[in-house]
Amino acid sequence: MACTPFMRAYHSLASTMARLGADRRGGVSLEYGLIISFVIVGFLGGLTLFGGSNGGAWDTMTGKLIAVIKGN
């Protein structure tokens, strides 16, 4: 049976996936990446909560700053 281009691509992909599955060198990097992503998600969540409750204060400060710049 002749090997079609689809069959060659499938076998190439299967052998690449098998090699990646057997490779254990990136485990520590993956763990550090997950830790950093959880820290970033927590940081963004905190900013969202803090920013939502603190928006009025920033608006007031901006208004006062504009008034000082205009000389009122």
PDB file of N, CA and C in Angstrom:
ATOM      1  N   MET A   1       0.837  -1.175   0.000  1.00  0.00           N
ATOM      2  CA  MET A   1       0.000   0.000   0.000  1.00  0.00           C
ATOM      3  C   MET A   1       0.889   1.248   0.000  1.00  0.00           C
ATOM      4  N   ALA A   2       0.569   2.192  -0.862  1.00  0.00           N
ATOM      5  CA  ALA A   2       1.360   3.411  -0.991  1.00  0.00           C
ATOM      6  C   ALA A   2       1.071   4.347   0.177  1.00  0.00           C
ATOM      7  N   CYS A   3       2.082   5.048   0.591  1.00  0.00           N
ATOM      8  CA  CYS A   3       1.956   5.987   1.701  1.00  0.00           C
ATOM      9  C   CYS A   3       1.522   7.343   1.147  1.00  0.00           C
ATOM     10  N   THR A   4       0.337   7.767   1.518  1.00  0.00           N
ATOM     11  CA  THR A   4      -0.205   9.032   1.028  1.00  0.00           C
ATOM     12  C   THR A   4       0.392  10.193   1.822  1.00  0.00           C
ATOM     13  N   PRO A   5       0.288  11.415   1.312  1.00  0.00           N
ATOM     14  CA  PRO A   5       0.788  12.572   2.064  1.00  0.00           C
ATOM     15  C   PRO A   5       0.105  12.717   3.428  1.00  0.00           C
ATOM     16  N   PHE A   6      -1.173  12.371   3.484  1.00  0.00           N
ATOM     17  CA  PHE A   6      -1.894  12.435   4.752  1.00  0.00           C
ATOM     18  C   PHE A   6      -1.308  11.455   5.758  1.00  0.00           C
ATOM     19  N   MET A   7      -1.003  10.233   5.296  1.00  0.00           N
ATOM     20  CA  MET A   7      -0.439   9.212   6.186  1.00  0.00           C
ATOM     21  C   MET A   7       0.950   9.632   6.666  1.00  0.00           C
ATOM     22  N   ARG A   8       1.777  10.224   5.776  1.00  0.00           N
ATOM     23  CA  ARG A   8       3.105  10.682   6.179  1.00  0.00           C
ATOM     24  C   ARG A   8       2.993  11.790   7.228  1.00  0.00           C
ATOM     25  N   ALA A   9       2.056  12.725   7.027  1.00  0.00           N
ATOM     26  CA  ALA A   9       1.873  13.814   7.987  1.00  0.00           C
ATOM     27  C   ALA A   9       1.409  13.262   9.332  1.00  0.00           C
ATOM     28  N   TYR A  10       0.496  12.286   9.295  1.00  0.00           N
ATOM     29  CA  TYR A  10      -0.001  11.678  10.523  1.00  0.00           C
ATOM     30  C   TYR A  10       1.123  10.994  11.289  1.00  0.00           C
ATOM     31  N   HIS A  11       1.949  10.219  10.582  1.00  0.00           N
ATOM     32  CA  HIS A  11       3.044   9.512  11.245  1.00  0.00           C
ATOM     33  C   HIS A  11       4.089  10.490  11.786  1.00  0.00           C
ATOM     34  N   SER A  12       4.334  11.556  11.044  1.00  0.00           N
ATOM     35  CA  SER A  12       5.279  12.566  11.511  1.00  0.00           C
ATOM     36  C   SER A  12       4.758  13.238  12.782  1.00  0.00           C
ATOM     37  N   LEU A  13       3.483  13.588  12.776  1.00  0.00           N
ATOM     38  CA  LEU A  13       2.883  14.213  13.954  1.00  0.00           C
ATOM     39  C   LEU A  13       2.869  13.246  15.128  1.00  0.00           C
ATOM     40  N   ALA A  14       2.544  11.992  14.877  1.00  0.00           N
ATOM     41  CA  ALA A  14       2.503  10.994  15.952  1.00  0.00           C
ATOM     42  C   ALA A  14       3.880  10.782  16.558  1.00  0.00           C
ATOM     43  N   SER A  15       4.920  10.738  15.725  1.00  0.00           N
ATOM     44  CA  SER A  15       6.266  10.534  16.275  1.00  0.00           C
ATOM     45  C   SER A  15       6.729  11.771  17.038  1.00  0.00           C
ATOM     46  N   THR A  16       6.366  12.964  16.563  1.00  0.00           N
ATOM     47  CA  THR A  16       6.721  14.194  17.287  1.00  0.00           C
ATOM     48  C   THR A  16       6.027  14.239  18.637  1.00  0.00           C
ATOM     49  N   MET A  17       4.766  13.900  18.680  1.00  0.00           N
ATOM     50  CA  MET A  17       4.013  13.905  19.943  1.00  0.00           C
ATOM     51  C   MET A  17       4.582  12.857  20.902  1.00  0.00           C
ATOM     52  N   ALA A  18       5.004  11.706  20.387  1.00  0.00           N
ATOM     53  CA  ALA A  18       5.587  10.671  21.243  1.00  0.00           C
ATOM     54  C   ALA A  18       6.901  11.163  21.856  1.00  0.00           C
ATOM     55  N   ARG A  19       7.728  11.861  21.054  1.00  0.00           N
ATOM     56  CA  ARG A  19       8.987  12.393  21.589  1.00  0.00           C
ATOM     57  C   ARG A  19       8.722  13.465  22.634  1.00  0.00           C
ATOM     58  N   LEU A  20       7.741  14.338  22.394  1.00  0.00           N
ATOM     59  CA  LEU A  20       7.425  15.380  23.365  1.00  0.00           C
ATOM     60  C   LEU A  20       6.870  14.796  24.654  1.00  0.00           C
ATOM     61  N   GLY A  21       6.088  13.727  24.531  1.00  0.00           N
ATOM     62  CA  GLY A  21       5.536  13.078  25.713  1.00  0.00           C
ATOM     63  C   GLY A  21       6.596  12.401  26.561  1.00  0.00           C
ATOM     64  N   ALA A  22       7.667  11.937  25.938  1.00  0.00           N
ATOM     65  CA  ALA A  22       8.732  11.251  26.664  1.00  0.00           C
ATOM     66  C   ALA A  22       9.754  12.231  27.247  1.00  0.00           C
ATOM     67  N   ASP A  23       9.749  13.471  26.794  1.00  0.00           N
ATOM     68  CA  ASP A  23      10.726  14.462  27.251  1.00  0.00           C
ATOM     69  C   ASP A  23      10.269  15.058  28.568  1.00  0.00           C
ATOM     70  N   ARG A  24      11.115  14.975  29.589  1.00  0.00           N
ATOM     71  CA  ARG A  24      10.760  15.456  30.933  1.00  0.00           C
ATOM     72  C   ARG A  24      11.572  16.690  31.350  1.00  0.00           C
ATOM     73  N   ARG A  25      12.307  17.307  30.433  1.00  0.00           N
ATOM     74  CA  ARG A  25      13.209  18.388  30.790  1.00  0.00           C
ATOM     75  C   ARG A  25      12.498  19.688  31.156  1.00  0.00           C
ATOM     76  N   GLY A  26      11.292  19.936  30.699  1.00  0.00           N
ATOM     77  CA  GLY A  26      10.638  21.217  30.924  1.00  0.00           C
ATOM     78  C   GLY A  26       9.703  21.250  32.110  1.00  0.00           C
ATOM     79  N   GLY A  27       9.757  20.267  32.989  1.00  0.00           N
ATOM     80  CA  GLY A  27       8.827  20.191  34.113  1.00  0.00           C
ATOM     81  C   GLY A  27       8.945  21.350  35.085  1.00  0.00           C
ATOM     82  N   VAL A  28      10.151  21.712  35.428  1.00  0.00           N
ATOM     83  CA  VAL A  28      10.365  22.799  36.387  1.00  0.00           C
ATOM     84  C   VAL A  28       9.925  24.128  35.776  1.00  0.00           C
ATOM     85  N   SER A  29      10.246  24.329  34.510  1.00  0.00           N
ATOM     86  CA  SER A  29       9.829  25.561  33.838  1.00  0.00           C
ATOM     87  C   SER A  29       8.310  25.669  33.808  1.00  0.00           C
ATOM     88  N   LEU A  30       7.659  24.566  33.559  1.00  0.00           N
ATOM     89  CA  LEU A  30       6.200  24.560  33.529  1.00  0.00           C
ATOM     90  C   LEU A  30       5.626  24.903  34.899  1.00  0.00           C
ATOM     91  N   GLU A  31       6.209  24.367  35.946  1.00  0.00           N
ATOM     92  CA  GLU A  31       5.728  24.660  37.296  1.00  0.00           C
ATOM     93  C   GLU A  31       5.900  26.131  37.636  1.00  0.00           C
ATOM     94  N   TYR A  32       7.076  26.681  37.314  1.00  0.00           N
ATOM     95  CA  TYR A  32       7.299  28.107  37.566  1.00  0.00           C
ATOM     96  C   TYR A  32       6.341  28.965  36.740  1.00  0.00           C
ATOM     97  N   GLY A  33       6.094  28.568  35.524  1.00  0.00           N
ATOM     98  CA  GLY A  33       5.147  29.292  34.676  1.00  0.00           C
ATOM     99  C   GLY A  33       3.748  29.294  35.268  1.00  0.00           C
ATOM    100  N   LEU A  34       3.327  28.153  35.798  1.00  0.00           N
ATOM    101  CA  LEU A  34       2.010  28.086  36.435  1.00  0.00           C
ATOM    102  C   LEU A  34       1.938  28.950  37.687  1.00  0.00           C
ATOM    103  N   ILE A  35       2.992  28.934  38.492  1.00  0.00           N
ATOM    104  CA  ILE A  35       3.018  29.760  39.702  1.00  0.00           C
ATOM    105  C   ILE A  35       2.932  31.232  39.329  1.00  0.00           C
ATOM    106  N   ILE A  36       3.712  31.659  38.346  1.00  0.00           N
ATOM    107  CA  ILE A  36       3.685  33.055  37.918  1.00  0.00           C
ATOM    108  C   ILE A  36       2.319  33.430  37.367  1.00  0.00           C
ATOM    109  N   SER A  37       1.702  32.531  36.616  1.00  0.00           N
ATOM    110  CA  SER A  37       0.375  32.853  36.070  1.00  0.00           C
ATOM    111  C   SER A  37      -0.665  32.980  37.177  1.00  0.00           C
ATOM    112  N   PHE A  38      -0.582  32.146  38.224  1.00  0.00           N
ATOM    113  CA  PHE A  38      -1.520  32.278  39.340  1.00  0.00           C
ATOM    114  C   PHE A  38      -1.302  33.586  40.096  1.00  0.00           C
ATOM    115  N   VAL A  39      -0.049  33.987  40.255  1.00  0.00           N
ATOM    116  CA  VAL A  39       0.240  35.254  40.923  1.00  0.00           C
ATOM    117  C   VAL A  39      -0.316  36.415  40.104  1.00  0.00           C
ATOM    118  N   ILE A  40      -0.147  36.373  38.798  1.00  0.00           N
ATOM    119  CA  ILE A  40      -0.659  37.446  37.940  1.00  0.00           C
ATOM    120  C   ILE A  40      -2.173  37.500  37.978  1.00  0.00           C
ATOM    121  N   VAL A  41      -2.827  36.348  37.937  1.00  0.00           N
ATOM    122  CA  VAL A  41      -4.292  36.317  38.005  1.00  0.00           C
ATOM    123  C   VAL A  41      -4.772  36.881  39.334  1.00  0.00           C
ATOM    124  N   GLY A  42      -4.112  36.530  40.432  1.00  0.00           N
ATOM    125  CA  GLY A  42      -4.475  37.082  41.738  1.00  0.00           C
ATOM    126  C   GLY A  42      -4.250  38.582  41.802  1.00  0.00           C
ATOM    127  N   PHE A  43      -3.145  39.049  41.238  1.00  0.00           N
ATOM    128  CA  PHE A  43      -2.849  40.476  41.211  1.00  0.00           C
ATOM    129  C   PHE A  43      -3.902  41.233  40.419  1.00  0.00           C
ATOM    130  N   LEU A  44      -4.264  40.716  39.255  1.00  0.00           N
ATOM    131  CA  LEU A  44      -5.284  41.380  38.434  1.00  0.00           C
ATOM    132  C   LEU A  44      -6.649  41.352  39.114  1.00  0.00           C
ATOM    133  N   GLY A  45      -6.961  40.269  39.802  1.00  0.00           N
ATOM    134  CA  GLY A  45      -8.216  40.205  40.545  1.00  0.00           C
ATOM    135  C   GLY A  45      -8.258  41.241  41.657  1.00  0.00           C
ATOM    136  N   GLY A  46      -7.140  41.388  42.376  1.00  0.00           N
ATOM    137  CA  GLY A  46      -7.069  42.405  43.424  1.00  0.00           C
ATOM    138  C   GLY A  46      -7.187  43.812  42.864  1.00  0.00           C
ATOM    139  N   LEU A  47      -6.529  44.062  41.734  1.00  0.00           N
ATOM    140  CA  LEU A  47      -6.649  45.376  41.100  1.00  0.00           C
ATOM    141  C   LEU A  47      -8.082  45.655  40.666  1.00  0.00           C
ATOM    142  N   THR A  48      -8.743  44.653  40.169  1.00  0.00           N
ATOM    143  CA  THR A  48     -10.128  44.829  39.740  1.00  0.00           C
ATOM    144  C   THR A  48     -11.020  45.173  40.927  1.00  0.00           C
ATOM    145  N   LEU A  49     -10.860  44.460  42.026  1.00  0.00           N
ATOM    146  CA  LEU A  49     -11.675  44.746  43.214  1.00  0.00           C
ATOM    147  C   LEU A  49     -11.353  46.116  43.798  1.00  0.00           C
ATOM    148  N   PHE A  50     -10.070  46.429  43.902  1.00  0.00           N
ATOM    149  CA  PHE A  50      -9.655  47.708  44.466  1.00  0.00           C
ATOM    150  C   PHE A  50     -10.033  48.863  43.544  1.00  0.00           C
ATOM    151  N   GLY A  51      -9.844  48.689  42.257  1.00  0.00           N
ATOM    152  CA  GLY A  51     -10.149  49.742  41.291  1.00  0.00           C
ATOM    153  C   GLY A  51     -11.631  50.045  41.212  1.00  0.00           C
ATOM    154  N   GLY A  52     -12.458  49.035  41.357  1.00  0.00           N
ATOM    155  CA  GLY A  52     -13.897  49.253  41.303  1.00  0.00           C
ATOM    156  C   GLY A  52     -14.399  50.064  42.482  1.00  0.00           C
ATOM    157  N   SER A  53     -13.849  49.841  43.663  1.00  0.00           N
ATOM    158  CA  SER A  53     -14.296  50.572  44.847  1.00  0.00           C
ATOM    159  C   SER A  53     -13.578  51.904  45.000  1.00  0.00           C
ATOM    160  N   ASN A  54     -12.499  52.111  44.266  1.00  0.00           N
ATOM    161  CA  ASN A  54     -11.688  53.304  44.420  1.00  0.00           C
ATOM    162  C   ASN A  54     -11.851  54.284  43.257  1.00  0.00           C
ATOM    163  N   GLY A  55     -12.731  53.986  42.324  1.00  0.00           N
ATOM    164  CA  GLY A  55     -12.894  54.817  41.131  1.00  0.00           C
ATOM    165  C   GLY A  55     -13.348  56.231  41.432  1.00  0.00           C
ATOM    166  N   GLY A  56     -14.247  56.406  42.403  1.00  0.00           N
ATOM    167  CA  GLY A  56     -14.747  57.737  42.741  1.00  0.00           C
ATOM    168  C   GLY A  56     -13.656  58.648  43.259  1.00  0.00           C
ATOM    169  N   ALA A  57     -12.754  58.133  44.034  1.00  0.00           N
ATOM    170  CA  ALA A  57     -11.650  58.943  44.563  1.00  0.00           C
ATOM    171  C   ALA A  57     -10.759  59.441  43.434  1.00  0.00           C
ATOM    172  N   TRP A  58     -10.496  58.615  42.437  1.00  0.00           N
ATOM    173  CA  TRP A  58      -9.678  59.036  41.309  1.00  0.00           C
ATOM    174  C   TRP A  58     -10.387  60.105  40.489  1.00  0.00           C
ATOM    175  N   ASP A  59     -11.697  59.964  40.324  1.00  0.00           N
ATOM    176  CA  ASP A  59     -12.461  60.974  39.587  1.00  0.00           C
ATOM    177  C   ASP A  59     -12.402  62.314  40.308  1.00  0.00           C
ATOM    178  N   THR A  60     -12.546  62.310  41.638  1.00  0.00           N
ATOM    179  CA  THR A  60     -12.477  63.546  42.422  1.00  0.00           C
ATOM    180  C   THR A  60     -11.098  64.180  42.309  1.00  0.00           C
ATOM    181  N   MET A  61     -10.066  63.374  42.420  1.00  0.00           N
ATOM    182  CA  MET A  61      -8.706  63.887  42.329  1.00  0.00           C
ATOM    183  C   MET A  61      -8.431  64.464  40.944  1.00  0.00           C
ATOM    184  N   THR A  62      -8.920  63.810  39.905  1.00  0.00           N
ATOM    185  CA  THR A  62      -8.736  64.307  38.552  1.00  0.00           C
ATOM    186  C   THR A  62      -9.429  65.665  38.370  1.00  0.00           C
ATOM    187  N   GLY A  63     -10.637  65.771  38.890  1.00  0.00           N
ATOM    188  CA  GLY A  63     -11.367  67.047  38.806  1.00  0.00           C
ATOM    189  C   GLY A  63     -10.613  68.161  39.511  1.00  0.00           C
ATOM    190  N   LYS A  64     -10.087  67.902  40.688  1.00  0.00           N
ATOM    191  CA  LYS A  64      -9.333  68.915  41.427  1.00  0.00           C
ATOM    192  C   LYS A  64      -8.049  69.292  40.698  1.00  0.00           C
ATOM    193  N   LEU A  65      -7.373  68.309  40.115  1.00  0.00           N
ATOM    194  CA  LEU A  65      -6.145  68.582  39.376  1.00  0.00           C
ATOM    195  C   LEU A  65      -6.429  69.446  38.154  1.00  0.00           C
ATOM    196  N   ILE A  66      -7.484  69.176  37.440  1.00  0.00           N
ATOM    197  CA  ILE A  66      -7.852  69.973  36.276  1.00  0.00           C
ATOM    198  C   ILE A  66      -8.181  71.404  36.693  1.00  0.00           C
ATOM    199  N   ALA A  67      -8.881  71.561  37.834  1.00  0.00           N
ATOM    200  CA  ALA A  67      -9.216  72.894  38.320  1.00  0.00           C
ATOM    201  C   ALA A  67      -7.960  73.676  38.675  1.00  0.00           C
ATOM    202  N   VAL A  68      -6.961  73.017  39.276  1.00  0.00           N
ATOM    203  CA  VAL A  68      -5.714  73.705  39.627  1.00  0.00           C
ATOM    204  C   VAL A  68      -4.962  74.108  38.357  1.00  0.00           C
ATOM    205  N   ILE A  69      -4.927  73.228  37.382  1.00  0.00           N
ATOM    206  CA  ILE A  69      -4.219  73.522  36.127  1.00  0.00           C
ATOM    207  C   ILE A  69      -4.862  74.711  35.414  1.00  0.00           C
ATOM    208  N   LYS A  70      -6.191  74.771  35.418  1.00  0.00           N
ATOM    209  CA  LYS A  70      -6.901  75.872  34.763  1.00  0.00           C
ATOM    210  C   LYS A  70      -6.799  77.165  35.569  1.00  0.00           C
ATOM    211  N   GLY A  71      -6.442  77.068  36.830  1.00  0.00           N
ATOM    212  CA  GLY A  71      -6.269  78.257  37.650  1.00  0.00           C
ATOM    213  C   GLY A  71      -7.544  78.698  38.347  1.00  0.00           C
ATOM    214  N   ASN A  72      -8.487  77.816  38.551  1.00  0.00           N
ATOM    215  CA  ASN A  72      -9.749  78.160  39.225  1.00  0.00           C
ATOM    216  C   ASN A  72      -9.616  78.071  40.708  1.00  0.00           C
TER     217      ASN A  72
END
